[in-house]
mmCIF file of all heavy atoms, coordinates in Angstrom:
data_MODEL
# 
_entry.id   MODEL 
# 
loop_
_atom_site.group_PDB 
_atom_site.id 
_atom_site.type_symbol 
_atom_site.label_atom_id 
_atom_site.label_alt_id 
_atom_site.label_comp_id 
_atom_site.label_asym_id 
_atom_site.label_entity_id 
_atom_site.label_seq_id 
_atom_site.pdbx_PDB_ins_code 
_atom_site.Cartn_x 
_atom_site.Cartn_y 
_atom_site.Cartn_z 
_atom_site.occupancy 
_atom_site.B_iso_or_equiv 
_atom_site.pdbx_formal_charge 
_atom_site.auth_seq_id 
_atom_site.auth_comp_id 
_atom_site.auth_asym_id 
_atom_site.auth_atom_id 
_atom_site.pdbx_PDB_model_num 
ATOM 1   N N   . VAL A 1 1  ? 54.944 49.678 -60.005 1.00 0.00 ? 1  VAL A N   1 
ATOM 2   C CA  . VAL A 1 1  ? 53.816 49.376 -60.904 1.00 0.00 ? 1  VAL A CA  1 
ATOM 3   C C   . VAL A 1 1  ? 53.279 50.658 -61.526 1.00 0.00 ? 1  VAL A C   1 
ATOM 4   O O   . VAL A 1 1  ? 53.014 50.713 -62.738 1.00 0.00 ? 1  VAL A O   1 
ATOM 5   C CB  . VAL A 1 1  ? 52.709 48.623 -60.135 1.00 0.00 ? 1  VAL A CB  1 
ATOM 6   C CG1 . VAL A 1 1  ? 51.442 48.513 -60.990 1.00 0.00 ? 1  VAL A CG1 1 
ATOM 7   C CG2 . VAL A 1 1  ? 53.190 47.237 -59.735 1.00 0.00 ? 1  VAL A CG2 1 
ATOM 8   N N   . ALA A 1 2  ? 53.122 51.702 -60.705 1.00 0.00 ? 2  ALA A N   1 
ATOM 9   C CA  . ALA A 1 2  ? 52.601 52.968 -61.220 1.00 0.00 ? 2  ALA A CA  1 
ATOM 10  C C   . ALA A 1 2  ? 53.524 53.549 -62.292 1.00 0.00 ? 2  ALA A C   1 
ATOM 11  O O   . ALA A 1 2  ? 53.054 54.047 -63.328 1.00 0.00 ? 2  ALA A O   1 
ATOM 12  C CB  . ALA A 1 2  ? 52.430 53.968 -60.070 1.00 0.00 ? 2  ALA A CB  1 
ATOM 13  N N   . THR A 1 3  ? 54.820 53.477 -62.062 1.00 0.00 ? 3  THR A N   1 
ATOM 14  C CA  . THR A 1 3  ? 55.783 53.982 -63.048 1.00 0.00 ? 3  THR A CA  1 
ATOM 15  C C   . THR A 1 3  ? 55.682 53.213 -64.357 1.00 0.00 ? 3  THR A C   1 
ATOM 16  O O   . THR A 1 3  ? 55.676 53.804 -65.450 1.00 0.00 ? 3  THR A O   1 
ATOM 17  C CB  . THR A 1 3  ? 57.220 53.885 -62.496 1.00 0.00 ? 3  THR A CB  1 
ATOM 18  O OG1 . THR A 1 3  ? 57.337 54.710 -61.332 1.00 0.00 ? 3  THR A OG1 1 
ATOM 19  C CG2 . THR A 1 3  ? 58.234 54.338 -63.533 1.00 0.00 ? 3  THR A CG2 1 
ATOM 20  N N   . GLN A 1 4  ? 55.581 51.902 -64.272 1.00 0.00 ? 4  GLN A N   1 
ATOM 21  C CA  . GLN A 1 4  ? 55.471 51.078 -65.477 1.00 0.00 ? 4  GLN A CA  1 
ATOM 22  C C   . GLN A 1 4  ? 54.204 51.404 -66.258 1.00 0.00 ? 4  GLN A C   1 
ATOM 23  O O   . GLN A 1 4  ? 54.220 51.469 -67.492 1.00 0.00 ? 4  GLN A O   1 
ATOM 24  C CB  . GLN A 1 4  ? 55.503 49.596 -65.105 1.00 0.00 ? 4  GLN A CB  1 
ATOM 25  C CG  . GLN A 1 4  ? 56.819 49.113 -64.493 1.00 0.00 ? 4  GLN A CG  1 
ATOM 26  C CD  . GLN A 1 4  ? 57.989 49.298 -65.445 1.00 0.00 ? 4  GLN A CD  1 
ATOM 27  O OE1 . GLN A 1 4  ? 58.829 50.187 -65.250 1.00 0.00 ? 4  GLN A OE1 1 
ATOM 28  N NE2 . GLN A 1 4  ? 58.048 48.490 -66.487 1.00 0.00 ? 4  GLN A NE2 1 
ATOM 29  N N   . TRP A 1 5  ? 53.115 51.600 -65.533 1.00 0.00 ? 5  TRP A N   1 
ATOM 30  C CA  . TRP A 1 5  ? 51.843 51.905 -66.215 1.00 0.00 ? 5  TRP A CA  1 
ATOM 31  C C   . TRP A 1 5  ? 51.858 53.300 -66.829 1.00 0.00 ? 5  TRP A C   1 
ATOM 32  O O   . TRP A 1 5  ? 51.354 53.509 -67.923 1.00 0.00 ? 5  TRP A O   1 
ATOM 33  C CB  . TRP A 1 5  ? 50.688 51.753 -65.235 1.00 0.00 ? 5  TRP A CB  1 
ATOM 34  C CG  . TRP A 1 5  ? 50.366 50.302 -64.927 1.00 0.00 ? 5  TRP A CG  1 
ATOM 35  C CD1 . TRP A 1 5  ? 50.856 49.203 -65.569 1.00 0.00 ? 5  TRP A CD1 1 
ATOM 36  C CD2 . TRP A 1 5  ? 49.494 49.816 -63.898 1.00 0.00 ? 5  TRP A CD2 1 
ATOM 37  N NE1 . TRP A 1 5  ? 50.339 48.056 -65.009 1.00 0.00 ? 5  TRP A NE1 1 
ATOM 38  C CE2 . TRP A 1 5  ? 49.492 48.388 -63.986 1.00 0.00 ? 5  TRP A CE2 1 
ATOM 39  C CE3 . TRP A 1 5  ? 48.714 50.426 -62.921 1.00 0.00 ? 5  TRP A CE3 1 
ATOM 40  C CZ2 . TRP A 1 5  ? 48.734 47.590 -63.130 1.00 0.00 ? 5  TRP A CZ2 1 
ATOM 41  C CZ3 . TRP A 1 5  ? 47.957 49.630 -62.075 1.00 0.00 ? 5  TRP A CZ3 1 
ATOM 42  C CH2 . TRP A 1 5  ? 47.966 48.232 -62.175 1.00 0.00 ? 5  TRP A CH2 1 
ATOM 43  N N   . GLU A 1 6  ? 52.468 54.230 -66.116 1.00 0.00 ? 6  GLU A N   1 
ATOM 44  C CA  . GLU A 1 6  ? 52.550 55.592 -66.677 1.00 0.00 ? 6  GLU A CA  1 
ATOM 45  C C   . GLU A 1 6  ? 53.448 55.621 -67.908 1.00 0.00 ? 6  GLU A C   1 
ATOM 46  O O   . GLU A 1 6  ? 53.162 56.326 -68.884 1.00 0.00 ? 6  GLU A O   1 
ATOM 47  C CB  . GLU A 1 6  ? 53.047 56.557 -65.605 1.00 0.00 ? 6  GLU A CB  1 
ATOM 48  C CG  . GLU A 1 6  ? 51.987 56.846 -64.543 1.00 0.00 ? 6  GLU A CG  1 
ATOM 49  C CD  . GLU A 1 6  ? 52.478 57.778 -63.460 1.00 0.00 ? 6  GLU A CD  1 
ATOM 50  O OE1 . GLU A 1 6  ? 53.722 57.887 -63.281 1.00 0.00 ? 6  GLU A OE1 1 
ATOM 51  O OE2 . GLU A 1 6  ? 51.642 58.400 -62.784 1.00 0.00 ? 6  GLU A OE2 1 
ATOM 52  N N   . ASP A 1 7  ? 54.530 54.850 -67.880 1.00 0.00 ? 7  ASP A N   1 
ATOM 53  C CA  . ASP A 1 7  ? 55.391 54.756 -69.050 1.00 0.00 ? 7  ASP A CA  1 
ATOM 54  C C   . ASP A 1 7  ? 54.650 54.148 -70.239 1.00 0.00 ? 7  ASP A C   1 
ATOM 55  O O   . ASP A 1 7  ? 54.992 54.424 -71.400 1.00 0.00 ? 7  ASP A O   1 
ATOM 56  C CB  . ASP A 1 7  ? 56.632 53.912 -68.739 1.00 0.00 ? 7  ASP A CB  1 
ATOM 57  C CG  . ASP A 1 7  ? 57.609 54.640 -67.825 1.00 0.00 ? 7  ASP A CG  1 
ATOM 58  O OD1 . ASP A 1 7  ? 57.462 55.858 -67.640 1.00 0.00 ? 7  ASP A OD1 1 
ATOM 59  O OD2 . ASP A 1 7  ? 58.517 53.962 -67.288 1.00 0.00 ? 7  ASP A OD2 1 
ATOM 60  N N   . ALA A 1 8  ? 53.632 53.337 -69.944 1.00 0.00 ? 8  ALA A N   1 
ATOM 61  C CA  . ALA A 1 8  ? 52.835 52.720 -71.006 1.00 0.00 ? 8  ALA A CA  1 
ATOM 62  C C   . ALA A 1 8  ? 51.729 53.635 -71.499 1.00 0.00 ? 8  ALA A C   1 
ATOM 63  O O   . ALA A 1 8  ? 50.998 53.269 -72.424 1.00 0.00 ? 8  ALA A O   1 
ATOM 64  C CB  . ALA A 1 8  ? 52.236 51.408 -70.522 1.00 0.00 ? 8  ALA A CB  1 
ATOM 65  N N   . GLY A 1 9  ? 51.598 54.823 -70.864 1.00 0.00 ? 9  GLY A N   1 
ATOM 66  C CA  . GLY A 1 9  ? 50.676 55.814 -71.396 1.00 0.00 ? 9  GLY A CA  1 
ATOM 67  C C   . GLY A 1 9  ? 49.397 56.055 -70.627 1.00 0.00 ? 9  GLY A C   1 
ATOM 68  O O   . GLY A 1 9  ? 48.488 56.729 -71.131 1.00 0.00 ? 9  GLY A O   1 
ATOM 69  N N   . VAL A 1 10 ? 49.279 55.526 -69.395 1.00 0.00 ? 10 VAL A N   1 
ATOM 70  C CA  . VAL A 1 10 ? 48.061 55.775 -68.630 1.00 0.00 ? 10 VAL A CA  1 
ATOM 71  C C   . VAL A 1 10 ? 48.387 56.626 -67.407 1.00 0.00 ? 10 VAL A C   1 
ATOM 72  O O   . VAL A 1 10 ? 49.515 56.615 -66.908 1.00 0.00 ? 10 VAL A O   1 
ATOM 73  C CB  . VAL A 1 10 ? 47.389 54.457 -68.190 1.00 0.00 ? 10 VAL A CB  1 
ATOM 74  C CG1 . VAL A 1 10 ? 46.954 53.646 -69.395 1.00 0.00 ? 10 VAL A CG1 1 
ATOM 75  C CG2 . VAL A 1 10 ? 48.312 53.642 -67.298 1.00 0.00 ? 10 VAL A CG2 1 
ATOM 76  N N   . LYS A 1 11 ? 47.401 57.345 -66.942 1.00 0.00 ? 11 LYS A N   1 
ATOM 77  C CA  . LYS A 1 11 ? 47.557 58.157 -65.746 1.00 0.00 ? 11 LYS A CA  1 
ATOM 78  C C   . LYS A 1 11 ? 47.251 57.296 -64.526 1.00 0.00 ? 11 LYS A C   1 
ATOM 79  O O   . LYS A 1 11 ? 46.240 56.588 -64.504 1.00 0.00 ? 11 LYS A O   1 
ATOM 80  C CB  . LYS A 1 11 ? 46.616 59.360 -65.784 1.00 0.00 ? 11 LYS A CB  1 
ATOM 81  C CG  . LYS A 1 11 ? 46.722 60.260 -64.558 1.00 0.00 ? 11 LYS A CG  1 
ATOM 82  C CD  . LYS A 1 11 ? 45.771 61.443 -64.650 1.00 0.00 ? 11 LYS A CD  1 
ATOM 83  C CE  . LYS A 1 11 ? 45.864 62.314 -63.401 1.00 0.00 ? 11 LYS A CE  1 
ATOM 84  N NZ  . LYS A 1 11 ? 44.914 63.467 -63.470 1.00 0.00 ? 11 LYS A NZ  1 
ATOM 85  N N   . VAL A 1 12 ? 48.104 57.372 -63.516 1.00 0.00 ? 12 VAL A N   1 
ATOM 86  C CA  . VAL A 1 12 ? 47.943 56.528 -62.333 1.00 0.00 ? 12 VAL A CA  1 
ATOM 87  C C   . VAL A 1 12 ? 47.867 57.391 -61.084 1.00 0.00 ? 12 VAL A C   1 
ATOM 88  O O   . VAL A 1 12 ? 48.693 58.291 -60.886 1.00 0.00 ? 12 VAL A O   1 
ATOM 89  C CB  . VAL A 1 12 ? 49.106 55.526 -62.185 1.00 0.00 ? 12 VAL A CB  1 
ATOM 90  C CG1 . VAL A 1 12 ? 48.908 54.651 -60.943 1.00 0.00 ? 12 VAL A CG1 1 
ATOM 91  C CG2 . VAL A 1 12 ? 49.222 54.650 -63.429 1.00 0.00 ? 12 VAL A CG2 1 
ATOM 92  N N   . THR A 1 13 ? 46.882 57.119 -60.259 1.00 0.00 ? 13 THR A N   1 
ATOM 93  C CA  . THR A 1 13 ? 46.766 57.728 -58.938 1.00 0.00 ? 13 THR A CA  1 
ATOM 94  C C   . THR A 1 13 ? 47.011 56.656 -57.897 1.00 0.00 ? 13 THR A C   1 
ATOM 95  O O   . THR A 1 13 ? 46.323 55.629 -57.870 1.00 0.00 ? 13 THR A O   1 
ATOM 96  C CB  . THR A 1 13 ? 45.370 58.330 -58.714 1.00 0.00 ? 13 THR A CB  1 
ATOM 97  O OG1 . THR A 1 13 ? 45.135 59.359 -59.677 1.00 0.00 ? 13 THR A OG1 1 
ATOM 98  C CG2 . THR A 1 13 ? 45.242 58.911 -57.317 1.00 0.00 ? 13 THR A CG2 1 
ATOM 99  N N   . LEU A 1 14 ? 48.023 56.867 -57.069 1.00 0.00 ? 14 LEU A N   1 
ATOM 100 C CA  . LEU A 1 14 ? 48.319 55.924 -55.992 1.00 0.00 ? 14 LEU A CA  1 
ATOM 101 C C   . LEU A 1 14 ? 47.514 56.291 -54.755 1.00 0.00 ? 14 LEU A C   1 
ATOM 102 O O   . LEU A 1 14 ? 47.499 57.456 -54.327 1.00 0.00 ? 14 LEU A O   1 
ATOM 103 C CB  . LEU A 1 14 ? 49.803 55.939 -55.658 1.00 0.00 ? 14 LEU A CB  1 
ATOM 104 C CG  . LEU A 1 14 ? 50.731 55.237 -56.653 1.00 0.00 ? 14 LEU A CG  1 
ATOM 105 C CD1 . LEU A 1 14 ? 52.183 55.479 -56.284 1.00 0.00 ? 14 LEU A CD1 1 
ATOM 106 C CD2 . LEU A 1 14 ? 50.430 53.753 -56.693 1.00 0.00 ? 14 LEU A CD2 1 
ATOM 107 N N   . ASP A 1 15 ? 46.843 55.317 -54.171 1.00 0.00 ? 15 ASP A N   1 
ATOM 108 C CA  . ASP A 1 15 ? 46.004 55.537 -52.997 1.00 0.00 ? 15 ASP A CA  1 
ATOM 109 C C   . ASP A 1 15 ? 46.340 54.460 -51.978 1.00 0.00 ? 15 ASP A C   1 
ATOM 110 O O   . ASP A 1 15 ? 45.842 53.337 -52.046 1.00 0.00 ? 15 ASP A O   1 
ATOM 111 C CB  . ASP A 1 15 ? 44.519 55.466 -53.394 1.00 0.00 ? 15 ASP A CB  1 
ATOM 112 C CG  . ASP A 1 15 ? 43.599 55.870 -52.248 1.00 0.00 ? 15 ASP A CG  1 
ATOM 113 O OD1 . ASP A 1 15 ? 44.102 56.205 -51.160 1.00 0.00 ? 15 ASP A OD1 1 
ATOM 114 O OD2 . ASP A 1 15 ? 42.364 55.854 -52.460 1.00 0.00 ? 15 ASP A OD2 1 
ATOM 115 N N   . GLY A 1 16 ? 47.231 54.798 -51.040 1.00 0.00 ? 16 GLY A N   1 
ATOM 116 C CA  . GLY A 1 16 ? 47.730 53.799 -50.103 1.00 0.00 ? 16 GLY A CA  1 
ATOM 117 C C   . GLY A 1 16 ? 47.164 53.952 -48.713 1.00 0.00 ? 16 GLY A C   1 
ATOM 118 O O   . GLY A 1 16 ? 46.726 55.036 -48.297 1.00 0.00 ? 16 GLY A O   1 
ATOM 119 N N   . GLY A 1 17 ? 47.172 52.870 -47.990 1.00 0.00 ? 17 GLY A N   1 
ATOM 120 C CA  . GLY A 1 17 ? 46.734 52.859 -46.603 1.00 0.00 ? 17 GLY A CA  1 
ATOM 121 C C   . GLY A 1 17 ? 47.070 51.524 -45.978 1.00 0.00 ? 17 GLY A C   1 
ATOM 122 O O   . GLY A 1 17 ? 47.667 50.652 -46.614 1.00 0.00 ? 17 GLY A O   1 
ATOM 123 N N   . ASP A 1 18 ? 46.661 51.356 -44.724 1.00 0.00 ? 18 ASP A N   1 
ATOM 124 C CA  . ASP A 1 18 ? 46.960 50.091 -44.062 1.00 0.00 ? 18 ASP A CA  1 
ATOM 125 C C   . ASP A 1 18 ? 46.024 49.006 -44.573 1.00 0.00 ? 18 ASP A C   1 
ATOM 126 O O   . ASP A 1 18 ? 45.216 49.210 -45.472 1.00 0.00 ? 18 ASP A O   1 
ATOM 127 C CB  . ASP A 1 18 ? 46.889 50.246 -42.541 1.00 0.00 ? 18 ASP A CB  1 
ATOM 128 C CG  . ASP A 1 18 ? 45.484 50.616 -42.047 1.00 0.00 ? 18 ASP A CG  1 
ATOM 129 O OD1 . ASP A 1 18 ? 44.501 50.515 -42.831 1.00 0.00 ? 18 ASP A OD1 1 
ATOM 130 O OD2 . ASP A 1 18 ? 45.359 50.984 -40.862 1.00 0.00 ? 18 ASP A OD2 1 
ATOM 131 N N   . GLU A 1 19 ? 46.143 47.828 -43.981 1.00 0.00 ? 19 GLU A N   1 
ATOM 132 C CA  . GLU A 1 19 ? 45.393 46.675 -44.462 1.00 0.00 ? 19 GLU A CA  1 
ATOM 133 C C   . GLU A 1 19 ? 43.893 46.915 -44.437 1.00 0.00 ? 19 GLU A C   1 
ATOM 134 O O   . GLU A 1 19 ? 43.165 46.561 -45.374 1.00 0.00 ? 19 GLU A O   1 
ATOM 135 C CB  . GLU A 1 19 ? 45.739 45.437 -43.627 1.00 0.00 ? 19 GLU A CB  1 
ATOM 136 C CG  . GLU A 1 19 ? 47.177 44.979 -43.774 1.00 0.00 ? 19 GLU A CG  1 
ATOM 137 C CD  . GLU A 1 19 ? 48.119 45.671 -42.805 1.00 0.00 ? 19 GLU A CD  1 
ATOM 138 O OE1 . GLU A 1 19 ? 47.681 46.607 -42.113 1.00 0.00 ? 19 GLU A OE1 1 
ATOM 139 O OE2 . GLU A 1 19 ? 49.289 45.290 -42.738 1.00 0.00 ? 19 GLU A OE2 1 
ATOM 140 N N   . ASN A 1 20 ? 43.391 47.510 -43.345 1.00 0.00 ? 20 ASN A N   1 
ATOM 141 C CA  . ASN A 1 20 ? 41.968 47.778 -43.245 1.00 0.00 ? 20 ASN A CA  1 
ATOM 142 C C   . ASN A 1 20 ? 41.517 48.795 -44.292 1.00 0.00 ? 20 ASN A C   1 
ATOM 143 O O   . ASN A 1 20 ? 40.401 48.711 -44.804 1.00 0.00 ? 20 ASN A O   1 
ATOM 144 C CB  . ASN A 1 20 ? 41.626 48.278 -41.837 1.00 0.00 ? 20 ASN A CB  1 
ATOM 145 C CG  . ASN A 1 20 ? 41.712 47.159 -40.809 1.00 0.00 ? 20 ASN A CG  1 
ATOM 146 O OD1 . ASN A 1 20 ? 41.366 46.021 -41.081 1.00 0.00 ? 20 ASN A OD1 1 
ATOM 147 N ND2 . ASN A 1 20 ? 42.185 47.498 -39.620 1.00 0.00 ? 20 ASN A ND2 1 
ATOM 148 N N   . TYR A 1 21 ? 42.380 49.735 -44.610 1.00 0.00 ? 21 TYR A N   1 
ATOM 149 C CA  . TYR A 1 21 ? 42.055 50.733 -45.633 1.00 0.00 ? 21 TYR A CA  1 
ATOM 150 C C   . TYR A 1 21 ? 41.907 50.064 -46.996 1.00 0.00 ? 21 TYR A C   1 
ATOM 151 O O   . TYR A 1 21 ? 40.967 50.350 -47.744 1.00 0.00 ? 21 TYR A O   1 
ATOM 152 C CB  . TYR A 1 21 ? 43.147 51.798 -45.688 1.00 0.00 ? 21 TYR A CB  1 
ATOM 153 C CG  . TYR A 1 21 ? 42.878 52.900 -46.693 1.00 0.00 ? 21 TYR A CG  1 
ATOM 154 C CD1 . TYR A 1 21 ? 42.105 54.007 -46.347 1.00 0.00 ? 21 TYR A CD1 1 
ATOM 155 C CD2 . TYR A 1 21 ? 43.384 52.827 -47.989 1.00 0.00 ? 21 TYR A CD2 1 
ATOM 156 C CE1 . TYR A 1 21 ? 41.845 55.014 -47.268 1.00 0.00 ? 21 TYR A CE1 1 
ATOM 157 C CE2 . TYR A 1 21 ? 43.138 53.822 -48.912 1.00 0.00 ? 21 TYR A CE2 1 
ATOM 158 C CZ  . TYR A 1 21 ? 42.361 54.918 -48.541 1.00 0.00 ? 21 TYR A CZ  1 
ATOM 159 O OH  . TYR A 1 21 ? 42.096 55.907 -49.472 1.00 0.00 ? 21 TYR A OH  1 
ATOM 160 N N   . VAL A 1 22 ? 42.841 49.169 -47.311 1.00 0.00 ? 22 VAL A N   1 
ATOM 161 C CA  . VAL A 1 22 ? 42.769 48.466 -48.594 1.00 0.00 ? 22 VAL A CA  1 
ATOM 162 C C   . VAL A 1 22 ? 41.490 47.657 -48.675 1.00 0.00 ? 22 VAL A C   1 
ATOM 163 O O   . VAL A 1 22 ? 40.781 47.665 -49.689 1.00 0.00 ? 22 VAL A O   1 
ATOM 164 C CB  . VAL A 1 22 ? 44.002 47.564 -48.779 1.00 0.00 ? 22 VAL A CB  1 
ATOM 165 C CG1 . VAL A 1 22 ? 43.863 46.710 -50.031 1.00 0.00 ? 22 VAL A CG1 1 
ATOM 166 C CG2 . VAL A 1 22 ? 45.271 48.405 -48.863 1.00 0.00 ? 22 VAL A CG2 1 
ATOM 167 N N   . LEU A 1 23 ? 41.168 46.942 -47.624 1.00 0.00 ? 23 LEU A N   1 
ATOM 168 C CA  . LEU A 1 23 ? 39.956 46.137 -47.599 1.00 0.00 ? 23 LEU A CA  1 
ATOM 169 C C   . LEU A 1 23 ? 38.709 47.000 -47.782 1.00 0.00 ? 23 LEU A C   1 
ATOM 170 O O   . LEU A 1 23 ? 37.823 46.681 -48.578 1.00 0.00 ? 23 LEU A O   1 
ATOM 171 C CB  . LEU A 1 23 ? 39.879 45.376 -46.274 1.00 0.00 ? 23 LEU A CB  1 
ATOM 172 C CG  . LEU A 1 23 ? 38.633 44.526 -46.032 1.00 0.00 ? 23 LEU A CG  1 
ATOM 173 C CD1 . LEU A 1 23 ? 38.534 43.424 -47.074 1.00 0.00 ? 23 LEU A CD1 1 
ATOM 174 C CD2 . LEU A 1 23 ? 38.643 43.952 -44.634 1.00 0.00 ? 23 LEU A CD2 1 
ATOM 175 N N   . ALA A 1 24 ? 38.652 48.107 -47.028 1.00 0.00 ? 24 ALA A N   1 
ATOM 176 C CA  . ALA A 1 24 ? 37.465 48.954 -47.066 1.00 0.00 ? 24 ALA A CA  1 
ATOM 177 C C   . ALA A 1 24 ? 37.262 49.607 -48.419 1.00 0.00 ? 24 ALA A C   1 
ATOM 178 O O   . ALA A 1 24 ? 36.122 49.926 -48.800 1.00 0.00 ? 24 ALA A O   1 
ATOM 179 C CB  . ALA A 1 24 ? 37.565 50.030 -45.982 1.00 0.00 ? 24 ALA A CB  1 
ATOM 180 N N   . ASN A 1 25 ? 38.341 49.801 -49.168 1.00 0.00 ? 25 ASN A N   1 
ATOM 181 C CA  . ASN A 1 25 ? 38.236 50.515 -50.430 1.00 0.00 ? 25 ASN A CA  1 
ATOM 182 C C   . ASN A 1 25 ? 38.282 49.613 -51.657 1.00 0.00 ? 25 ASN A C   1 
ATOM 183 O O   . ASN A 1 25 ? 38.322 50.100 -52.786 1.00 0.00 ? 25 ASN A O   1 
ATOM 184 C CB  . ASN A 1 25 ? 39.340 51.562 -50.515 1.00 0.00 ? 25 ASN A CB  1 
ATOM 185 C CG  . ASN A 1 25 ? 39.068 52.744 -49.609 1.00 0.00 ? 25 ASN A CG  1 
ATOM 186 O OD1 . ASN A 1 25 ? 38.335 53.655 -49.959 1.00 0.00 ? 25 ASN A OD1 1 
ATOM 187 N ND2 . ASN A 1 25 ? 39.654 52.711 -48.412 1.00 0.00 ? 25 ASN A ND2 1 
ATOM 188 N N   . THR A 1 26 ? 38.258 48.300 -51.434 1.00 0.00 ? 26 THR A N   1 
ATOM 189 C CA  . THR A 1 26 ? 38.196 47.349 -52.553 1.00 0.00 ? 26 THR A CA  1 
ATOM 190 C C   . THR A 1 26 ? 37.118 46.315 -52.270 1.00 0.00 ? 26 THR A C   1 
ATOM 191 O O   . THR A 1 26 ? 35.995 46.419 -52.745 1.00 0.00 ? 26 THR A O   1 
ATOM 192 C CB  . THR A 1 26 ? 39.558 46.661 -52.765 1.00 0.00 ? 26 THR A CB  1 
ATOM 193 O OG1 . THR A 1 26 ? 40.020 46.100 -51.531 1.00 0.00 ? 26 THR A OG1 1 
ATOM 194 C CG2 . THR A 1 26 ? 40.587 47.639 -53.278 1.00 0.00 ? 26 THR A CG2 1 
ATOM 195 N N   . PHE A 1 27 ? 37.445 45.344 -51.466 1.00 0.00 ? 27 PHE A N   1 
ATOM 196 C CA  . PHE A 1 27 ? 36.531 44.247 -51.171 1.00 0.00 ? 27 PHE A CA  1 
ATOM 197 C C   . PHE A 1 27 ? 35.217 44.733 -50.566 1.00 0.00 ? 27 PHE A C   1 
ATOM 198 O O   . PHE A 1 27 ? 34.149 44.190 -50.877 1.00 0.00 ? 27 PHE A O   1 
ATOM 199 C CB  . PHE A 1 27 ? 37.221 43.267 -50.219 1.00 0.00 ? 27 PHE A CB  1 
ATOM 200 C CG  . PHE A 1 27 ? 36.415 42.049 -49.904 1.00 0.00 ? 27 PHE A CG  1 
ATOM 201 C CD1 . PHE A 1 27 ? 36.266 41.046 -50.846 1.00 0.00 ? 27 PHE A CD1 1 
ATOM 202 C CD2 . PHE A 1 27 ? 35.829 41.895 -48.663 1.00 0.00 ? 27 PHE A CD2 1 
ATOM 203 C CE1 . PHE A 1 27 ? 35.520 39.908 -50.557 1.00 0.00 ? 27 PHE A CE1 1 
ATOM 204 C CE2 . PHE A 1 27 ? 35.094 40.769 -48.362 1.00 0.00 ? 27 PHE A CE2 1 
ATOM 205 C CZ  . PHE A 1 27 ? 34.934 39.774 -49.307 1.00 0.00 ? 27 PHE A CZ  1 
ATOM 206 N N   . ALA A 1 28 ? 35.283 45.745 -49.713 1.00 0.00 ? 28 ALA A N   1 
ATOM 207 C CA  . ALA A 1 28 ? 34.085 46.232 -49.030 1.00 0.00 ? 28 ALA A CA  1 
ATOM 208 C C   . ALA A 1 28 ? 33.714 47.647 -49.465 1.00 0.00 ? 28 ALA A C   1 
ATOM 209 O O   . ALA A 1 28 ? 32.993 48.354 -48.759 1.00 0.00 ? 28 ALA A O   1 
ATOM 210 C CB  . ALA A 1 28 ? 34.305 46.196 -47.516 1.00 0.00 ? 28 ALA A CB  1 
ATOM 211 N N   . ALA A 1 29 ? 34.172 48.069 -50.639 1.00 0.00 ? 29 ALA A N   1 
ATOM 212 C CA  . ALA A 1 29 ? 33.916 49.441 -51.097 1.00 0.00 ? 29 ALA A CA  1 
ATOM 213 C C   . ALA A 1 29 ? 32.431 49.679 -51.341 1.00 0.00 ? 29 ALA A C   1 
ATOM 214 O O   . ALA A 1 29 ? 31.757 48.888 -52.007 1.00 0.00 ? 29 ALA A O   1 
ATOM 215 C CB  . ALA A 1 29 ? 34.700 49.711 -52.374 1.00 0.00 ? 29 ALA A CB  1 
# 
């Protein structure tokens, strides 16, 4: 996804983690 978006002209920062990390940084951010 990041490659596709960068090819379309936007800068992408990937920020990965486990399930709890994703939850804490989106739904519960």
